C-alpha atoms as a PDB file:
ATOM      1  CA  UNK A   1      10.674 -33.614  54.368  1.00  0.00           C
ATOM      2  CA  UNK A   2      12.507 -32.104  57.331  1.00  0.00           C
ATOM      3  CA  UNK A   3      15.023 -30.438  54.958  1.00  0.00           C
ATOM      4  CA  UNK A   4      12.083 -29.061  52.873  1.00  0.00           C
ATOM      5  CA  UNK A   5      10.497 -27.297  55.898  1.00  0.00           C
ATOM      6  CA  UNK A   6      13.900 -26.082  57.193  1.00  0.00           C
ATOM      7  CA  UNK A   7      14.232 -24.367  53.787  1.00  0.00           C
ATOM      8  CA  UNK A   8      10.859 -22.704  54.165  1.00  0.00           C
ATOM      9  CA  UNK A   9      11.935 -21.400  57.594  1.00  0.00           C
ATOM     10  CA  UNK A  10      15.173 -20.087  56.156  1.00  0.00           C
ATOM     11  CA  UNK A  11      13.250 -18.360  53.365  1.00  0.00           C
ATOM     12  CA  UNK A  12      10.883 -16.640  55.858  1.00  0.00           C
ATOM     13  CA  UNK A  13      13.851 -15.384  57.874  1.00  0.00           C
ATOM     14  CA  UNK A  14      15.667 -14.061  54.791  1.00  0.00           C
ATOM     15  CA  UNK A  15      12.451 -12.261  53.750  1.00  0.00           C
ATOM     16  CA  UNK A  16      12.073 -10.954  57.271  1.00  0.00           C
ATOM     17  CA  UNK A  17      15.460  -9.323  57.378  1.00  0.00           C
ATOM     18  CA  UNK A  18      15.107  -8.034  53.857  1.00  0.00           C
ATOM     19  CA  UNK A  19      11.984  -6.152  54.716  1.00  0.00           C
ATOM     20  CA  UNK A  20      13.576  -4.975  57.990  1.00  0.00           C
ATOM     21  CA  UNK A  21      16.471  -3.440  56.066  1.00  0.00           C
ATOM     22  CA  UNK A  22      14.033  -1.152  54.119  1.00  0.00           C
ATOM     23  CA  UNK A  23      11.396  -0.528  56.889  1.00  0.00           C
ATOM     24  CA  UNK A  24      13.140   0.708  59.919  1.00  0.00           C
ATOM     25  CA  UNK A  25      12.772   4.342  58.986  1.00  0.00           C
ATOM     26  CA  UNK A  26       8.921   4.300  58.038  1.00  0.00           C
ATOM     27  CA  UNK A  27       5.835   4.318  60.163  1.00  0.00           C
ATOM     28  CA  UNK A  28       4.486   0.985  58.970  1.00  0.00           C
ATOM     29  CA  UNK A  29       4.592  -1.921  61.285  1.00  0.00           C
ATOM     30  CA  UNK A  30       6.567  -4.964  60.438  1.00  0.00           C
ATOM     31  CA  UNK A  31       6.142  -7.957  62.841  1.00  0.00           C
ATOM     32  CA  UNK A  32       7.386 -11.467  63.322  1.00  0.00           C
ATOM     33  CA  UNK A  33       4.779 -13.755  64.870  1.00  0.00           C
ATOM     34  CA  UNK A  34       4.671 -17.249  66.491  1.00  0.00           C
ATOM     35  CA  UNK A  35       1.844 -19.072  68.196  1.00  0.00           C
ATOM     36  CA  UNK A  36       1.044 -22.450  69.716  1.00  0.00           C
ATOM     37  CA  UNK A  37      -2.439 -24.022  70.086  1.00  0.00           C
ATOM     38  CA  UNK A  38      -4.869 -26.782  69.178  1.00  0.00           C
ATOM     39  CA  UNK A  39      -6.630 -28.005  65.953  1.00  0.00           C
ATOM     40  CA  UNK A  40      -9.802 -29.727  64.905  1.00  0.00           C
ATOM     41  CA  UNK A  41      -9.888 -31.373  61.451  1.00  0.00           C
ATOM     42  CA  UNK A  42     -13.193 -31.870  59.720  1.00  0.00           C
ATOM     43  CA  UNK A  43     -14.665 -35.421  59.821  1.00  0.00           C
ATOM     44  CA  UNK A  44     -15.566 -35.409  56.016  1.00  0.00           C
ATOM     45  CA  UNK A  45     -11.868 -35.163  55.100  1.00  0.00           C
ATOM     46  CA  UNK A  46     -11.197 -38.780  55.888  1.00  0.00           C
ATOM     47  CA  UNK A  47     -12.250 -42.033  54.112  1.00  0.00           C
ATOM     48  CA  UNK A  48     -14.804 -44.262  55.734  1.00  0.00           C
ATOM     49  CA  UNK A  49     -13.966 -45.655  59.228  1.00  0.00           C
ATOM     50  CA  UNK A  50     -11.217 -43.123  59.812  1.00  0.00           C
ATOM     51  CA  UNK A  51     -11.955 -40.352  62.246  1.00  0.00           C
ATOM     52  CA  UNK A  52      -9.643 -37.900  64.227  1.00  0.00           C
ATOM     53  CA  UNK A  53     -10.005 -36.550  67.703  1.00  0.00           C
ATOM     54  CA  UNK A  54     -12.116 -33.356  67.872  1.00  0.00           C
ATOM     55  CA  UNK A  55      -9.269 -31.541  69.682  1.00  0.00           C
ATOM     56  CA  UNK A  56      -5.559 -32.237  68.807  1.00  0.00           C
ATOM     57  CA  UNK A  57      -2.231 -30.836  69.837  1.00  0.00           C
ATOM     58  CA  UNK A  58      -0.062 -29.129  68.608  1.00  0.00           C
ATOM     59  CA  UNK A  59      -0.770 -26.399  66.133  1.00  0.00           C
ATOM     60  CA  UNK A  60       2.245 -24.151  65.512  1.00  0.00           C
ATOM     61  CA  UNK A  61       2.337 -21.024  63.447  1.00  0.00           C
ATOM     62  CA  UNK A  62       5.218 -18.932  62.342  1.00  0.00           C
ATOM     63  CA  UNK A  63       4.936 -15.839  60.127  1.00  0.00           C
ATOM     64  CA  UNK A  64       5.838 -12.354  59.217  1.00  0.00           C
ATOM     65  CA  UNK A  65       3.431  -9.418  58.769  1.00  0.00           C
ATOM     66  CA  UNK A  66       3.846  -6.118  57.057  1.00  0.00           C
ATOM     67  CA  UNK A  67       1.424  -3.331  57.223  1.00  0.00           C
ATOM     68  CA  UNK A  68       1.973  -1.210  53.990  1.00  0.00           C
ATOM     69  CA  UNK A  69      -1.005   1.046  54.919  1.00  0.00           C
ATOM     70  CA  UNK A  70      -2.436   1.916  58.374  1.00  0.00           C
ATOM     71  CA  UNK A  71      -5.358  -0.431  57.920  1.00  0.00           C
ATOM     72  CA  UNK A  72      -4.053  -2.846  55.251  1.00  0.00           C
ATOM     73  CA  UNK A  73      -1.218  -5.246  55.159  1.00  0.00           C
ATOM     74  CA  UNK A  74      -0.029  -8.830  54.125  1.00  0.00           C
ATOM     75  CA  UNK A  75       1.602 -11.691  55.863  1.00  0.00           C
ATOM     76  CA  UNK A  76       3.266 -14.845  54.971  1.00  0.00           C
ATOM     77  CA  UNK A  77       2.867 -17.688  57.575  1.00  0.00           C
ATOM     78  CA  UNK A  78       3.796 -21.315  57.881  1.00  0.00           C
ATOM     79  CA  UNK A  79       1.605 -23.761  60.022  1.00  0.00           C
ATOM     80  CA  UNK A  80       2.394 -27.168  61.369  1.00  0.00           C
ATOM     81  CA  UNK A  81      -0.432 -29.385  62.887  1.00  0.00           C
ATOM     82  CA  UNK A  82      -0.653 -32.850  64.172  1.00  0.00           C
ATOM     83  CA  UNK A  83      -3.834 -34.923  64.706  1.00  0.00           C
ATOM     84  CA  UNK A  84      -4.467 -38.550  65.524  1.00  0.00           C
ATOM     85  CA  UNK A  85      -7.308 -41.197  65.514  1.00  0.00           C
ATOM     86  CA  UNK A  86     -10.212 -41.133  67.702  1.00  0.00           C
ATOM     87  CA  UNK A  87     -10.530 -44.073  70.189  1.00  0.00           C
ATOM     88  CA  UNK A  88     -11.976 -47.332  68.727  1.00  0.00           C
ATOM     89  CA  UNK A  89     -11.122 -46.265  65.046  1.00  0.00           C
ATOM     90  CA  UNK A  90      -8.174 -47.312  62.878  1.00  0.00           C
ATOM     91  CA  UNK A  91      -4.884 -45.976  64.418  1.00  0.00           C
ATOM     92  CA  UNK A  92      -3.167 -43.191  62.625  1.00  0.00           C
ATOM     93  CA  UNK A  93      -1.333 -39.951  63.039  1.00  0.00           C
ATOM     94  CA  UNK A  94      -1.062 -37.178  60.527  1.00  0.00           C
ATOM     95  CA  UNK A  95       1.277 -34.217  59.962  1.00  0.00           C
ATOM     96  CA  UNK A  96      -0.644 -31.352  58.399  1.00  0.00           C
ATOM     97  CA  UNK A  97       1.538 -28.461  57.142  1.00  0.00           C
ATOM     98  CA  UNK A  98       0.517 -25.350  55.155  1.00  0.00           C
ATOM     99  CA  UNK A  99       2.040 -22.193  53.751  1.00  0.00           C
ATOM    100  CA  UNK A 100      -0.261 -19.250  53.275  1.00  0.00           C
ATOM    101  CA  UNK A 101      -0.002 -15.597  51.805  1.00  0.00           C
ATOM    102  CA  UNK A 102      -2.897 -13.590  53.364  1.00  0.00           C
ATOM    103  CA  UNK A 103      -4.031 -10.030  53.270  1.00  0.00           C
ATOM    104  CA  UNK A 104      -4.515  -8.385  56.694  1.00  0.00           C
ATOM    105  CA  UNK A 105      -7.022  -5.741  57.708  1.00  0.00           C
ATOM    106  CA  UNK A 106      -6.847  -3.763  60.965  1.00  0.00           C
ATOM    107  CA  UNK A 107     -10.431  -3.929  62.240  1.00  0.00           C
ATOM    108  CA  UNK A 108      -9.730  -2.393  65.496  1.00  0.00           C
ATOM    109  CA  UNK A 109     -12.119   0.551  64.851  1.00  0.00           C
ATOM    110  CA  UNK A 110     -15.072  -1.936  64.545  1.00  0.00           C
ATOM    111  CA  UNK A 111     -14.356  -3.034  68.201  1.00  0.00           C
ATOM    112  CA  UNK A 112     -14.178   0.465  69.690  1.00  0.00           C
ATOM    113  CA  UNK A 113     -15.241  -0.787  73.067  1.00  0.00           C
ATOM    114  CA  UNK A 114     -11.986  -2.645  73.612  1.00  0.00           C
ATOM    115  CA  UNK A 115      -8.992  -1.331  75.579  1.00  0.00           C
ATOM    116  CA  UNK A 116      -6.708   1.062  73.831  1.00  0.00           C
ATOM    117  CA  UNK A 117      -4.008  -1.526  74.170  1.00  0.00           C
ATOM    118  CA  UNK A 118      -5.976  -4.005  72.106  1.00  0.00           C
ATOM    119  CA  UNK A 119      -6.005  -4.403  68.315  1.00  0.00           C
ATOM    120  CA  UNK A 120      -8.078  -6.693  66.131  1.00  0.00           C
ATOM    121  CA  UNK A 121      -6.864  -7.975  62.753  1.00  0.00           C
ATOM    122  CA  UNK A 122      -8.771 -10.049  60.051  1.00  0.00           C
ATOM    123  CA  UNK A 123      -6.681 -12.107  57.695  1.00  0.00           C
ATOM    124  CA  UNK A 124      -7.480 -14.205  54.699  1.00  0.00           C
ATOM    125  CA  UNK A 125      -5.572 -15.676  51.709  1.00  0.00           C
ATOM    126  CA  UNK A 126      -4.645 -18.701  49.594  1.00  0.00           C
ATOM    127  CA  UNK A 127      -2.093 -21.353  50.352  1.00  0.00           C
ATOM    128  CA  UNK A 128      -0.783 -24.799  49.883  1.00  0.00           C
ATOM    129  CA  UNK A 129      -1.212 -27.722  52.110  1.00  0.00           C
ATOM    130  CA  UNK A 130       0.956 -30.843  52.645  1.00  0.00           C
ATOM    131  CA  UNK A 131      -0.550 -33.920  54.434  1.00  0.00           C
ATOM    132  CA  UNK A 132       1.823 -36.672  55.481  1.00  0.00           C
ATOM    133  CA  UNK A 133       0.306 -39.729  57.300  1.00  0.00           C
ATOM    134  CA  UNK A 134       2.671 -41.481  59.849  1.00  0.00           C
ATOM    135  CA  UNK A 135       2.822 -45.037  61.090  1.00  0.00           C
ATOM    136  CA  UNK A 136       1.416 -47.669  58.554  1.00  0.00           C
ATOM    137  CA  UNK A 137       0.491 -44.966  55.968  1.00  0.00           C
ATOM    138  CA  UNK A 138       3.711 -43.035  55.386  1.00  0.00           C
ATOM    139  CA  UNK A 139       3.438 -43.370  51.572  1.00  0.00           C
ATOM    140  CA  UNK A 140      -0.011 -41.795  51.419  1.00  0.00           C
ATOM    141  CA  UNK A 141       1.034 -38.133  51.138  1.00  0.00           C
ATOM    142  CA  UNK A 142      -1.602 -35.701  49.982  1.00  0.00           C
ATOM    143  CA  UNK A 143      -1.005 -32.194  48.490  1.00  0.00           C
ATOM    144  CA  UNK A 144      -3.729 -29.613  47.661  1.00  0.00           C
ATOM    145  CA  UNK A 145      -4.551 -25.946  47.682  1.00  0.00           C
ATOM    146  CA  UNK A 146      -6.310 -24.177  50.502  1.00  0.00           C
ATOM    147  CA  UNK A 147      -7.996 -20.911  51.410  1.00  0.00           C
ATOM    148  CA  UNK A 148      -7.505 -19.620  55.000  1.00  0.00           C
ATOM    149  CA  UNK A 149      -9.388 -16.873  57.038  1.00  0.00           C
ATOM    150  CA  UNK A 150      -9.161 -15.891  60.653  1.00  0.00           C
ATOM    151  CA  UNK A 151      -9.291 -13.162  63.294  1.00  0.00           C
ATOM    152  CA  UNK A 152      -6.625 -12.103  65.714  1.00  0.00           C
ATOM    153  CA  UNK A 153      -7.069 -10.202  69.093  1.00  0.00           C
ATOM    154  CA  UNK A 154      -3.837  -8.571  70.223  1.00  0.00           C
ATOM    155  CA  UNK A 155      -2.909  -7.052  73.576  1.00  0.00           C
ATOM    156  CA  UNK A 156      -0.005  -4.758  73.704  1.00  0.00           C
ATOM    157  CA  UNK A 157       2.636  -5.474  76.453  1.00  0.00           C
ATOM    158  CA  UNK A 158       5.048  -2.839  75.207  1.00  0.00           C
ATOM    159  CA  UNK A 159       5.753  -0.830  72.033  1.00  0.00           C
ATOM    160  CA  UNK A 160       7.535  -3.823  70.532  1.00  0.00           C
ATOM    161  CA  UNK A 161       5.647  -6.804  72.021  1.00  0.00           C
ATOM    162  CA  UNK A 162       2.081  -7.987  72.115  1.00  0.00           C
ATOM    163  CA  UNK A 163       0.395 -11.282  72.887  1.00  0.00           C
ATOM    164  CA  UNK A 164      -2.582 -12.465  70.738  1.00  0.00           C
ATOM    165  CA  UNK A 165      -5.294 -15.042  70.410  1.00  0.00           C
ATOM    166  CA  UNK A 166      -6.048 -16.263  66.842  1.00  0.00           C
ATOM    167  CA  UNK A 167      -8.998 -18.292  65.472  1.00  0.00           C
ATOM    168  CA  UNK A 168      -8.507 -19.578  61.926  1.00  0.00           C
ATOM    169  CA  UNK A 169     -10.341 -21.793  59.522  1.00  0.00           C
ATOM    170  CA  UNK A 170      -8.499 -23.539  56.690  1.00  0.00           C
ATOM    171  CA  UNK A 171     -10.699 -24.621  53.695  1.00  0.00           C
ATOM    172  CA  UNK A 172      -9.092 -27.477  51.849  1.00  0.00           C
ATOM    173  CA  UNK A 173      -9.439 -27.526  48.114  1.00  0.00           C
ATOM    174  CA  UNK A 174      -8.303 -31.147  47.565  1.00  0.00           C
ATOM    175  CA  UNK A 175     -10.277 -33.601  45.342  1.00  0.00           C
ATOM    176  CA  UNK A 176     -11.829 -36.708  46.800  1.00  0.00           C
ATOM    177  CA  UNK A 177      -9.445 -39.581  46.710  1.00  0.00           C
ATOM    178  CA  UNK A 178      -9.873 -43.295  46.295  1.00  0.00           C
ATOM    179  CA  UNK A 179      -8.630 -45.270  49.314  1.00  0.00           C
ATOM    180  CA  UNK A 180      -7.668 -48.209  47.097  1.00  0.00           C
ATOM    181  CA  UNK A 181      -5.462 -46.280  44.738  1.00  0.00           C
ATOM    182  CA  UNK A 182      -4.509 -43.225  46.891  1.00  0.00           C
ATOM    183  CA  UNK A 183      -4.127 -45.065  50.169  1.00  0.00           C
ATOM    184  CA  UNK A 184      -5.920 -45.062  53.524  1.00  0.00           C
ATOM    185  CA  UNK A 185      -4.714 -42.557  56.152  1.00  0.00           C
ATOM    186  CA  UNK A 186      -4.899 -39.597  53.878  1.00  0.00           C
ATOM    187  CA  UNK A 187      -6.725 -36.382  54.607  1.00  0.00           C
ATOM    188  CA  UNK A 188      -8.179 -33.676  52.251  1.00  0.00           C
ATOM    189  CA  UNK A 189     -10.638 -31.749  54.413  1.00  0.00           C
ATOM    190  CA  UNK A 190     -10.899 -28.513  56.394  1.00  0.00           C
ATOM    191  CA  UNK A 191      -9.355 -27.516  59.713  1.00  0.00           C
ATOM    192  CA  UNK A 192     -10.234 -25.215  62.588  1.00  0.00           C
ATOM    193  CA  UNK A 193      -7.290 -23.974  64.717  1.00  0.00           C
ATOM    194  CA  UNK A 194      -7.022 -21.887  67.985  1.00  0.00           C
ATOM    195  CA  UNK A 195      -3.611 -20.542  68.874  1.00  0.00           C
ATOM    196  CA  UNK A 196      -2.133 -18.104  71.398  1.00  0.00           C
ATOM    197  CA  UNK A 197       1.113 -16.373  70.454  1.00  0.00           C
ATOM    198  CA  UNK A 198       3.403 -13.398  70.545  1.00  0.00           C
ATOM    199  CA  UNK A 199       3.882 -10.623  67.935  1.00  0.00           C
ATOM    200  CA  UNK A 200       7.220  -8.737  67.870  1.00  0.00           C
ATOM    201  CA  UNK A 201       7.293  -5.426  66.170  1.00  0.00           C
ATOM    202  CA  UNK A 202      10.564  -4.997  64.121  1.00  0.00           C
ATOM    203  CA  UNK A 203       9.868  -1.356  62.827  1.00  0.00           C
ATOM    204  CA  UNK A 204       7.629   1.490  63.778  1.00  0.00           C
ATOM    205  CA  UNK A 205       5.379   1.612  66.856  1.00  0.00           C
ATOM    206  CA  UNK A 206       3.109  -1.418  67.586  1.00  0.00           C
ATOM    207  CA  UNK A 207       0.003   0.157  69.147  1.00  0.00           C
ATOM    208  CA  UNK A 208      -2.933   0.785  66.733  1.00  0.00           C
ATOM    209  CA  UNK A 209      -3.787   4.449  66.149  1.00  0.00           C
ATOM    210  CA  UNK A 210      -0.380   5.850  67.212  1.00  0.00           C
END
């Protein structure tokens, strides 16, 4: 499993440098992004008697974003999340990872009252989720498709660097599973995540409107 995700990171990096080679002379913005935060999985994603904490740490997001038009772009991002059982419920821990391809829309003009250094992006798109329970349930892996949507608020520190806050919701498209045949400790529900991160511009100018 570790080798699998190392391969994903390597693929993202190769894609990043490939785009960079073609994008340094244009005005589009190409960014590398990383963020850290918390997550909250939906209660209906578990079998009976299993329940996760409402707030869990960590949520880690890594991604690359390319704006091929002033207001429209796309990004590929990888997310890792960990959540565990609520007190007085069966003990478990779950690794929830996802890979999403999303469209990105620059909605800064909608929030015209914000500082000129601030940008707002709406993102949404399909992806793939891998759920791996830990402890006594390591064989109960779950795989399913997802659809993710969220909004970012960026604040420009310099032409090349900004910090941002992201709120995202991941809708799981997994089918209901039978705990007898599929195993306890699985999860096929939705997830809400809040992260704070940094966005590094690799080509063009970062600030919206410039």
